[in-house]
Protein backbone atom coordinates (compact mmCIF):
# COMPACT_ATOMS: atom_id res chain seq x y z
CA MET A 1 20.14 -81.72 26.24
CA SER A 2 20.54 -78.33 24.52
CA TYR A 3 18.01 -75.52 24.39
CA PRO A 4 18.64 -73.29 21.36
CA VAL A 5 16.31 -70.33 21.29
CA THR A 6 15.00 -67.98 18.64
CA TRP A 7 16.30 -64.41 18.79
CA LYS A 8 13.66 -61.73 18.99
CA SER A 9 15.34 -58.49 18.04
CA GLY A 10 14.55 -55.18 19.64
CA THR A 11 16.26 -51.85 19.79
CA ALA A 12 19.73 -52.80 20.87
CA ALA A 13 22.15 -50.37 22.43
CA LEU A 14 25.80 -50.44 21.47
CA LEU A 15 28.50 -51.73 23.75
CA ALA A 16 31.78 -50.19 22.66
CA PHE A 17 35.32 -51.40 23.07
CA GLY A 18 38.55 -49.91 21.79
CA LEU A 19 41.11 -51.56 19.59
CA VAL A 20 43.56 -52.60 22.26
CA SER A 21 45.31 -55.56 20.71
CA THR A 22 48.28 -56.02 18.46
CA THR A 23 47.71 -56.45 14.75
CA ALA A 24 48.52 -59.40 12.55
CA ALA A 25 50.89 -57.19 10.51
CA PRO A 26 52.17 -53.54 10.73
CA PHE A 27 49.32 -52.59 9.95
CA VAL A 28 38.54 -27.92 -0.17
CA MET A 29 38.70 -24.96 0.45
CA SER A 30 37.16 -21.59 -0.18
CA ALA A 31 38.61 -18.50 1.39
CA PRO A 32 38.42 -17.58 4.13
CA ALA A 33 38.72 -20.94 5.91
CA ILE A 34 39.83 -22.08 9.34
CA ALA A 35 43.17 -23.83 9.71
CA GLN A 36 42.46 -26.34 12.46
CA THR A 37 43.15 -29.90 13.45
CA ARG A 38 39.98 -30.66 15.46
CA PHE A 39 36.38 -30.41 14.33
CA PRO A 40 33.28 -30.37 16.56
CA ASP A 41 31.37 -32.69 14.19
CA VAL A 42 34.12 -35.35 13.96
CA PRO A 43 33.84 -37.07 17.35
CA ALA A 44 36.23 -39.56 18.88
CA GLY A 45 35.43 -42.98 17.49
CA TYR A 46 34.05 -41.71 14.17
CA TRP A 47 35.16 -44.23 11.54
CA ALA A 48 37.13 -41.69 9.46
CA GLU A 49 38.45 -39.67 12.39
CA PRO A 50 42.15 -40.64 12.03
CA PHE A 51 42.17 -39.93 8.27
CA ILE A 52 40.49 -36.55 8.68
CA TYR A 53 42.71 -35.31 11.48
CA GLU A 54 45.93 -36.48 9.83
CA LEU A 55 44.99 -34.64 6.63
CA ALA A 56 44.00 -31.56 8.63
CA ALA A 57 47.40 -31.59 10.35
CA LYS A 58 49.05 -31.72 6.93
CA GLY A 59 46.94 -28.83 5.64
CA VAL A 60 45.22 -30.94 2.98
CA ILE A 61 41.71 -30.30 4.33
CA VAL A 62 40.25 -27.45 6.36
CA GLY A 63 37.10 -26.52 8.23
CA PHE A 64 34.27 -24.17 7.37
CA ALA A 65 34.94 -20.59 8.37
CA GLU A 66 31.50 -19.87 9.81
CA ASP A 67 31.42 -22.61 12.44
CA GLY A 68 34.68 -24.57 12.30
CA THR A 69 32.92 -27.79 11.29
CA PHE A 70 34.19 -30.36 8.81
CA ARG A 71 30.79 -31.75 7.71
CA PRO A 72 32.04 -35.26 7.04
CA GLU A 73 28.78 -36.50 5.49
CA ASP A 74 28.48 -33.66 2.95
CA PRO A 75 29.08 -34.47 -0.73
CA VAL A 76 32.21 -33.37 -2.58
CA THR A 77 32.10 -31.56 -5.91
CA ARG A 78 34.62 -32.11 -8.70
CA ALA A 79 36.10 -28.66 -8.09
CA GLN A 80 36.46 -29.33 -4.38
CA PHE A 81 38.14 -32.65 -5.09
CA ALA A 82 40.57 -30.92 -7.45
CA ALA A 83 41.53 -28.53 -4.65
CA MET A 84 42.09 -31.41 -2.21
CA ILE A 85 44.34 -33.48 -4.46
CA ASN A 86 46.43 -30.43 -5.36
CA ARG A 87 47.15 -29.89 -1.68
CA ALA A 88 47.97 -33.56 -1.17
CA PHE A 89 50.22 -34.26 -4.17
CA ASN A 90 52.92 -32.38 -6.05
CA ARG A 91 52.92 -34.18 -9.38
CA PRO A 92 54.62 -33.01 -12.59
CA VAL A 93 52.64 -31.51 -15.48
CA ILE A 94 52.06 -34.06 -18.24
CA ARG A 95 49.79 -32.14 -20.66
CA ARG A 96 48.71 -28.67 -21.72
CA PRO A 97 45.85 -26.91 -19.90
CA VAL A 98 42.30 -26.74 -21.26
CA ASP A 99 39.92 -23.79 -21.00
CA PHE A 100 36.72 -25.53 -19.99
CA ALA A 101 33.54 -23.73 -21.06
CA ASP A 102 31.96 -24.01 -17.61
CA VAL A 103 35.04 -22.85 -15.66
CA PRO A 104 35.30 -19.08 -16.16
CA ALA A 105 38.42 -17.08 -15.44
CA ASN A 106 37.11 -15.77 -12.13
CA TYR A 107 35.83 -19.13 -10.85
CA TRP A 108 37.23 -19.79 -7.37
CA GLY A 109 38.57 -23.24 -8.27
CA ARG A 110 39.93 -22.51 -11.75
CA SER A 111 43.61 -22.88 -10.85
CA ALA A 112 42.98 -26.09 -8.91
CA ILE A 113 41.01 -27.55 -11.81
CA GLU A 114 43.72 -26.58 -14.30
CA ARG A 115 46.42 -28.22 -12.24
CA ALA A 116 44.33 -31.35 -11.61
CA TYR A 117 43.89 -31.62 -15.38
CA THR A 118 47.48 -30.92 -16.41
CA THR A 119 48.89 -33.38 -13.84
CA GLY A 120 46.61 -36.16 -15.11
CA PHE A 121 44.33 -36.54 -12.10
CA MET A 122 41.13 -35.31 -13.76
CA ALA A 123 39.66 -34.91 -17.23
CA GLY A 124 36.69 -33.25 -18.89
CA TYR A 125 33.34 -34.27 -20.36
CA PRO A 126 32.15 -34.00 -23.97
CA GLY A 127 31.20 -30.50 -24.97
CA ASN A 128 34.32 -28.98 -23.41
CA LEU A 129 32.81 -29.23 -19.96
CA PHE A 130 34.38 -29.94 -16.59
CA ARG A 131 31.20 -29.80 -14.48
CA PRO A 132 32.96 -28.25 -11.48
CA ASN A 133 29.85 -28.18 -9.26
CA GLU A 134 28.81 -31.76 -9.97
CA ASN A 135 29.13 -34.13 -7.01
CA ILE A 136 31.81 -36.73 -7.63
CA PRO A 137 31.01 -40.48 -7.33
CA ARG A 138 33.20 -42.80 -5.30
CA ALA A 139 34.39 -44.74 -8.34
CA GLN A 140 35.47 -41.54 -10.08
CA VAL A 141 37.55 -40.52 -7.05
CA LEU A 142 39.44 -43.82 -7.20
CA VAL A 143 39.91 -43.58 -10.97
CA SER A 144 41.28 -40.06 -10.56
CA LEU A 145 43.80 -41.11 -7.91
CA SER A 146 44.96 -44.11 -9.94
CA ALA A 147 45.35 -41.95 -13.05
CA GLY A 148 47.17 -39.08 -11.35
CA LEU A 149 49.54 -41.43 -9.53
CA ASP A 150 50.07 -43.49 -12.70
CA TYR A 151 49.01 -46.80 -11.17
CA ALA A 152 48.65 -49.79 -13.46
CA ASN A 153 47.03 -53.17 -12.84
CA ASN A 154 49.15 -56.17 -11.91
CA ARG A 155 46.30 -58.69 -11.55
CA PRO A 156 43.36 -59.66 -13.78
CA ILE A 157 40.89 -56.82 -13.29
CA ASP A 158 37.58 -58.68 -13.27
CA GLN A 159 38.92 -61.46 -11.06
CA LEU A 160 40.31 -58.98 -8.52
CA LEU A 161 37.12 -56.92 -8.36
CA ALA A 162 34.77 -59.92 -8.15
CA SER A 163 36.75 -61.51 -5.35
CA THR A 164 37.00 -58.25 -3.38
CA PHE A 165 33.61 -56.51 -3.65
CA ASN A 166 30.08 -57.84 -3.24
CA ASP A 167 28.85 -55.21 -5.70
CA ALA A 168 31.65 -55.52 -8.26
CA ALA A 169 29.11 -55.79 -11.09
CA GLN A 170 28.00 -52.22 -10.37
CA ILE A 171 31.42 -50.74 -11.17
CA PRO A 172 31.14 -48.93 -14.54
CA GLY A 173 33.30 -50.22 -17.37
CA TYR A 174 35.39 -47.07 -17.63
CA ALA A 175 36.20 -47.22 -13.90
CA ARG A 176 37.14 -50.89 -13.54
CA PRO A 177 40.88 -50.57 -14.35
CA GLY A 178 41.30 -47.55 -12.06
CA VAL A 179 39.32 -49.06 -9.19
CA ALA A 180 41.28 -52.31 -9.50
CA ALA A 181 44.59 -50.44 -9.43
CA ALA A 182 43.46 -48.47 -6.37
CA THR A 183 42.35 -51.69 -4.69
CA GLU A 184 45.74 -53.32 -5.21
CA ARG A 185 47.42 -50.39 -3.48
CA GLN A 186 44.99 -50.32 -0.53
CA ILE A 187 43.56 -46.93 -1.44
CA VAL A 188 39.95 -48.13 -1.16
CA VAL A 189 38.22 -47.58 2.21
CA ASN A 190 34.68 -48.91 2.62
CA TYR A 191 32.49 -48.10 5.63
CA PRO A 192 30.57 -49.79 7.17
CA ASP A 193 31.06 -52.96 5.08
CA VAL A 194 34.58 -53.38 3.77
CA ARG A 195 33.31 -55.60 0.93
CA THR A 196 30.71 -53.13 -0.38
CA LEU A 197 32.16 -50.44 -2.66
CA ASN A 198 29.03 -48.44 -3.62
CA PRO A 199 30.90 -47.22 -6.72
CA ASN A 200 28.15 -44.99 -8.11
CA ARG A 201 27.17 -43.30 -4.85
CA VAL A 202 28.31 -39.70 -4.36
CA ALA A 203 31.44 -39.58 -2.21
CA THR A 204 31.26 -37.83 1.14
CA ARG A 205 33.95 -35.54 2.52
CA ALA A 206 34.92 -38.25 5.03
CA GLU A 207 35.24 -40.88 2.29
CA VAL A 208 37.32 -38.62 0.05
CA ALA A 209 39.59 -37.84 3.01
CA ALA A 210 40.11 -41.57 3.59
CA PHE A 211 40.83 -42.23 -0.12
CA ILE A 212 43.30 -39.36 -0.37
CA TYR A 213 45.05 -40.35 2.85
CA GLN A 214 45.48 -43.92 1.66
CA ALA A 215 46.82 -42.63 -1.66
CA MET A 216 49.37 -40.58 0.27
CA VAL A 217 50.34 -43.71 2.20
CA SER A 218 50.88 -45.52 -1.10
CA GLN A 219 53.26 -42.72 -2.13
CA GLY A 220 55.18 -42.74 1.15
CA LEU A 221 53.76 -39.34 2.09
CA ALA A 222 51.93 -40.51 5.22
CA ALA A 223 52.15 -43.26 7.81
CA ALA A 224 49.72 -46.18 7.59
CA ILE A 225 46.71 -46.07 9.91
CA PRO A 226 45.18 -49.36 11.09
CA SER A 227 41.50 -49.50 10.15
CA PRO A 228 39.10 -52.40 9.62
CA TYR A 229 37.65 -50.55 6.61
CA ILE A 230 40.76 -50.43 4.42
CA VAL A 231 40.37 -52.98 1.65
CA GLY A 232 43.33 -55.37 1.63
CA GLN A 233 44.94 -54.15 4.84
CA ALA A 234 46.25 -56.80 7.21
CA PRO A 235 43.40 -57.77 9.55
CA VAL A 236 43.32 -56.25 13.01
CA ALA A 237 42.88 -58.49 16.02
CA VAL A 238 40.75 -57.02 18.79
CA ARG A 239 41.13 -57.94 22.43
CA ILE A 240 38.15 -57.55 24.76
CA PRO A 241 39.65 -57.55 28.27
CA ALA A 242 38.71 -59.86 31.11
CA GLY A 243 36.12 -58.34 33.42
CA THR A 244 34.06 -56.93 30.56
CA ALA A 245 30.32 -57.63 30.86
CA ILE A 246 28.52 -58.61 27.64
CA PRO A 247 24.70 -58.47 27.72
CA ILE A 248 23.09 -61.82 26.90
CA VAL A 249 19.48 -63.00 26.94
CA TYR A 250 17.42 -66.17 27.21
CA ALA A 251 14.86 -65.51 24.51
CA GLY A 252 13.06 -68.84 24.41
CA ALA A 253 9.30 -69.10 24.32
CA ASP A 254 9.05 -71.31 27.42
CA ARG A 255 10.01 -70.93 31.04
CA LEU A 256 12.92 -73.17 32.02
CA ILE A 257 12.48 -75.01 35.33
CA LEU A 258 15.37 -76.70 37.13
CA SER A 259 15.87 -77.99 40.62
CA GLN A 260 17.74 -76.14 43.33
CA GLU A 261 19.49 -79.43 43.97
CA GLU A 262 20.53 -80.10 40.37
CA THR A 263 23.95 -81.75 40.27
CA GLN A 264 24.53 -82.02 36.51
CA PRO A 265 25.39 -79.12 34.18
CA ILE A 266 22.57 -78.32 31.73
CA PRO A 267 23.69 -77.46 28.14
CA ILE A 268 21.95 -74.36 26.82
CA THR A 269 22.34 -71.70 24.13
CA LEU A 270 21.62 -68.05 24.91
CA LYS A 271 21.95 -65.00 22.66
CA VAL A 272 24.05 -61.83 22.64
CA ALA A 273 21.57 -59.08 23.50
CA GLN A 274 23.41 -56.02 22.13
CA ASN A 275 25.96 -55.31 19.43
CA VAL A 276 29.50 -55.34 20.76
CA VAL A 277 31.41 -52.69 18.82
CA THR A 278 34.79 -50.98 18.79
CA ALA A 279 35.19 -47.30 19.51
CA GLN A 280 35.38 -46.86 15.72
CA GLY A 281 31.93 -48.42 15.29
CA GLN A 282 33.07 -51.79 13.93
CA VAL A 283 30.70 -54.53 15.06
CA LEU A 284 32.74 -57.28 16.70
CA ILE A 285 29.95 -59.47 18.03
CA PRO A 286 26.52 -58.83 16.47
CA ALA A 287 23.37 -58.96 18.55
CA GLY A 288 21.76 -62.35 18.12
CA SER A 289 25.04 -64.29 18.05
CA ASP A 290 24.77 -67.65 19.83
CA VAL A 291 26.43 -68.08 23.21
CA ASN A 292 26.89 -71.75 24.00
CA GLY A 293 27.41 -72.94 27.56
CA GLN A 294 25.87 -74.65 30.57
CA LEU A 295 23.59 -73.87 33.46
CA VAL A 296 25.26 -74.90 36.72
CA VAL A 297 23.41 -74.94 40.05
CA SER A 298 25.30 -74.06 43.21
CA ASP A 299 24.04 -72.96 46.63
CA GLY A 300 20.45 -73.00 45.40
CA ALA A 301 21.11 -70.64 42.46
CA ALA A 302 21.73 -71.25 38.76
CA GLN A 303 24.60 -69.65 36.85
CA PHE A 304 25.30 -69.63 33.13
CA ILE A 305 28.88 -70.64 32.23
CA ALA A 306 29.81 -69.76 28.63
CA ASN A 307 32.35 -71.63 26.52
CA GLN A 308 31.75 -70.45 22.96
CA ILE A 309 30.29 -67.61 20.91
CA VAL A 310 29.12 -68.39 17.38
CA LEU A 311 28.91 -65.37 15.08
CA PRO A 312 26.32 -65.17 12.27
CA ASN A 313 29.07 -65.77 9.68
CA GLY A 314 29.93 -69.09 11.34
CA GLN A 315 33.09 -68.02 13.13
CA ARG A 316 33.43 -69.66 16.54
CA LEU A 317 35.08 -67.77 19.38
CA PRO A 318 36.23 -69.68 22.46
CA VAL A 319 35.11 -67.73 25.50
CA SER A 320 35.39 -68.10 29.25
CA GLY A 321 32.81 -66.24 31.28
CA SER A 322 29.91 -66.54 33.67
CA SER A 323 26.64 -64.79 34.46
CA GLU A 324 25.43 -63.50 37.78
CA PRO A 325 23.52 -66.10 39.90
CA ILE A 326 19.89 -66.66 38.91
CA ARG A 327 17.69 -66.81 42.01
CA SER A 328 14.22 -66.60 40.52
CA TYR A 329 12.43 -69.25 42.59
CA LEU A 330 9.01 -70.75 42.13
CA VAL A 331 6.87 -73.26 44.00
CA VAL A 332 4.70 -75.77 42.21
CA ARG A 333 1.64 -77.05 44.05
CA LYS A 334 -1.21 -79.33 43.07
CA ASN A 335 -4.37 -77.39 42.26
CA PRO A 336 -6.90 -79.73 40.69
CA THR A 337 -9.79 -77.29 41.10
CA THR A 338 -8.41 -74.50 38.92
CA GLY A 339 -7.07 -76.61 36.10
CA LYS A 340 -4.20 -74.21 35.60
CA ILE A 341 -1.34 -75.50 33.47
CA ILE A 342 2.24 -75.01 34.43
CA ALA A 343 3.92 -73.33 31.43
CA GLY A 344 7.51 -74.36 31.31
CA THR A 345 10.15 -76.84 30.24
CA LEU A 346 11.79 -79.10 32.79
CA VAL A 347 15.56 -79.21 32.42
CA GLY A 348 17.91 -81.61 34.19
CA ALA A 349 17.19 -84.71 36.24
CA GLY A 350 16.55 -82.79 39.44
CA ALA A 351 13.52 -80.86 38.21
CA GLY A 352 11.96 -83.99 36.77
CA ALA A 353 12.49 -85.90 40.00
CA GLY A 354 11.06 -83.03 42.03
CA VAL A 355 7.88 -82.82 39.99
CA ALA A 356 7.58 -86.61 39.96
CA ALA A 357 7.70 -86.60 43.76
CA VAL A 358 4.59 -84.45 43.75
CA THR A 359 2.65 -85.64 40.71
CA GLY A 360 3.85 -89.20 40.44
CA ASP A 361 5.12 -88.57 36.91
CA ARG A 362 6.88 -85.87 34.86
CA LYS A 363 3.72 -84.54 33.28
CA ILE A 364 2.98 -80.92 34.03
CA GLN A 365 -0.75 -80.45 34.06
CA ALA A 366 -3.40 -79.27 36.49
CA TRP A 367 -0.66 -77.56 38.49
CA GLU A 368 -0.16 -73.95 39.26
CA VAL A 369 3.09 -71.97 39.47
CA LEU A 370 3.54 -69.54 42.33
CA THR A 371 6.37 -67.03 42.13
CA GLY A 372 7.94 -64.33 44.23
CA ALA A 373 6.74 -63.62 47.78
CA ALA A 374 3.55 -65.61 47.25
CA ALA A 375 5.57 -68.74 46.59
CA GLY A 376 7.42 -68.52 49.88
CA THR A 377 4.27 -67.80 51.88
CA LEU A 378 2.08 -70.46 50.38
CA ALA A 379 4.78 -73.11 50.38
CA ALA A 380 4.72 -73.13 54.17
CA THR A 381 0.98 -73.81 54.25
CA LEU A 382 0.89 -76.74 51.82
CA LEU A 383 0.53 -80.13 53.39
CA GLY A 384 1.76 -83.61 52.64
CA GLY A 385 4.83 -82.50 50.73
CA ARG A 386 2.62 -81.67 47.74
CA THR A 387 4.96 -78.89 46.56
CA VAL A 388 8.24 -78.62 44.73
CA GLU A 389 10.51 -75.57 44.87
CA ALA A 390 12.59 -74.86 41.78
CA ILE A 391 14.58 -72.24 39.88
CA ALA A 392 12.73 -70.58 37.03
CA ILE A 393 14.30 -68.80 34.08
CA GLU A 394 11.66 -66.77 32.30
CA PRO A 395 11.64 -65.91 28.58
CA ASN A 396 13.57 -62.72 27.77
CA THR A 397 15.60 -62.96 30.95
CA ASN A 398 18.55 -60.59 30.57
CA LEU A 399 21.92 -61.47 32.05
CA LEU A 400 25.44 -60.10 31.99
CA LEU A 401 28.19 -62.44 30.85
CA THR A 402 31.39 -61.35 32.63
CA LEU A 403 34.55 -62.48 30.88
CA ASP A 404 36.95 -64.47 33.03
CA GLN A 405 39.69 -64.20 30.39
CA ASP A 406 40.50 -61.83 27.54
CA LEU A 407 38.44 -62.54 24.42
CA VAL A 408 40.53 -62.13 21.26
CA ILE A 409 38.72 -61.67 17.96
CA SER A 410 40.97 -62.03 14.93
CA GLY A 411 40.44 -59.82 11.91
CA ASP A 412 40.61 -62.63 9.36
CA ARG A 413 36.98 -63.64 9.65
CA PRO A 414 35.21 -65.73 7.03
CA GLN A 415 33.58 -63.43 4.50
CA PRO A 416 30.13 -64.01 3.00
CA ARG A 417 30.00 -65.28 -0.55
CA PRO A 418 30.02 -62.36 -3.01
CA VAL A 419 26.69 -61.53 -4.65
CA GLN A 420 26.70 -60.31 -8.24
CA PRO A 421 23.83 -57.81 -8.60
CA ILE A 422 22.64 -56.38 -11.89
CA ALA A 423 24.73 -53.35 -12.78
CA PRO A 424 22.73 -50.08 -12.90
CA LEU A 425 23.16 -47.47 -15.59
CA ALA A 426 26.25 -45.40 -14.86
CA PRO A 427 27.06 -41.83 -15.90
CA PRO A 428 29.43 -41.45 -18.85
CA PRO A 429 33.11 -41.33 -17.89
CA PRO A 430 35.09 -38.11 -18.09
CA ARG A 431 37.33 -37.88 -21.13
CA GLU A 432 39.72 -35.42 -22.63
CA VAL A 433 38.31 -32.83 -25.02
CA PRO A 434 39.92 -30.29 -27.33
CA PRO A 435 40.20 -26.79 -25.85
CA PRO A 436 37.98 -24.13 -27.48
CA ALA A 437 38.10 -20.51 -26.40
CA PRO A 438 35.47 -19.96 -23.64
CA ALA A 439 33.72 -16.76 -22.66
CA PRO A 440 34.10 -16.11 -18.91
CA THR A 441 30.91 -15.70 -16.87
CA GLU A 442 30.19 -14.70 -13.29
CA VAL A 443 30.00 -17.68 -10.87
CA THR A 444 29.38 -17.44 -7.12
CA PRO A 445 32.29 -18.99 -5.18
CA GLN A 446 31.42 -22.25 -3.47
CA LYS A 447 32.30 -22.85 0.18
CA TYR A 448 33.52 -26.21 1.38
């Protein structure tokens, strides 16, 4: 008999593990700025940490002069992006420069913008505008990298995008070829969900760093970094070592009652109580995942022995582990005067036989449950053997499942079926414009 229970979520803490297994396959600046390779606001385990620090070591990105921070969640303007890609890539000039009306001669990023334009990475908007202070969307970053690196598509665009991203329908028409080309070359990095692109959302400094780093990898300018958020990268297997304790919970509505003398294992399903995550924040085992196993009674105590974890996406993980002994005893005694009802579910043959010895049948009514110290005291005073002592597992009982063997979670998990949402209105794409003669104006330099 199995006892699946309904998960009641609460505020779950995070249990973090590092990526300690092998993989399935080898897996800008305003002056003055600080040249540094560590930032106080990019902690160990931050999802984009390896991309940021590798680019900092290469001098592609820098910190803010006033406090040495990187500000990974800040947006990136088009001028800032131009400065970043010019530091990352040394591409040949393919067209003549343009004097954009909104980029005066004394603008801090003018030279970076000119080079980004002449090397084919970026273009202008109608009206001879570049919009240097406009925040750049994620899709536009990918289009820019594909254009500047001259990447073409080798697979049907719509088929590739629909099979890769849950929100493929939201990718603007102008961006679809460039995003598809970037996807083929593993330039796209999506956090926290690798299948969600968010093409029209403004790119953060961390996201742009990840995109640029992956573009450098595609050019042979940087070594590949294993990450679960790189679209198309070989999946990473994660090994949770033996001896690790995973919080689990019995979240059923009823008390479970079993005999201290139970000889047969009792099938039962518990739940993972907290997210199990990597040091990079990737959720390996979500809270609420089923943990299948058995209750085994030994030396008067029950113990949960796990044999399988079932993730919400249907993936089944063989597991070997056990909980600490459960020694929550209770005594059942006949109390016809109070009419109290024993709330609980009998499990196993032993509990049923024990109650039957007192009541004459397996019905639980007009009986009262005594727990804790009161149970031990009153049990000694009851006459005629009109009591039964048992093990009680209360609702929301928290346990620790200690792994007896390493638990290996492969990276090639089943993915949910893509959903095709209605595409929102997208901003017009940048395009080349003829160069008129602009009149320079004063612009305050932007820090980033």
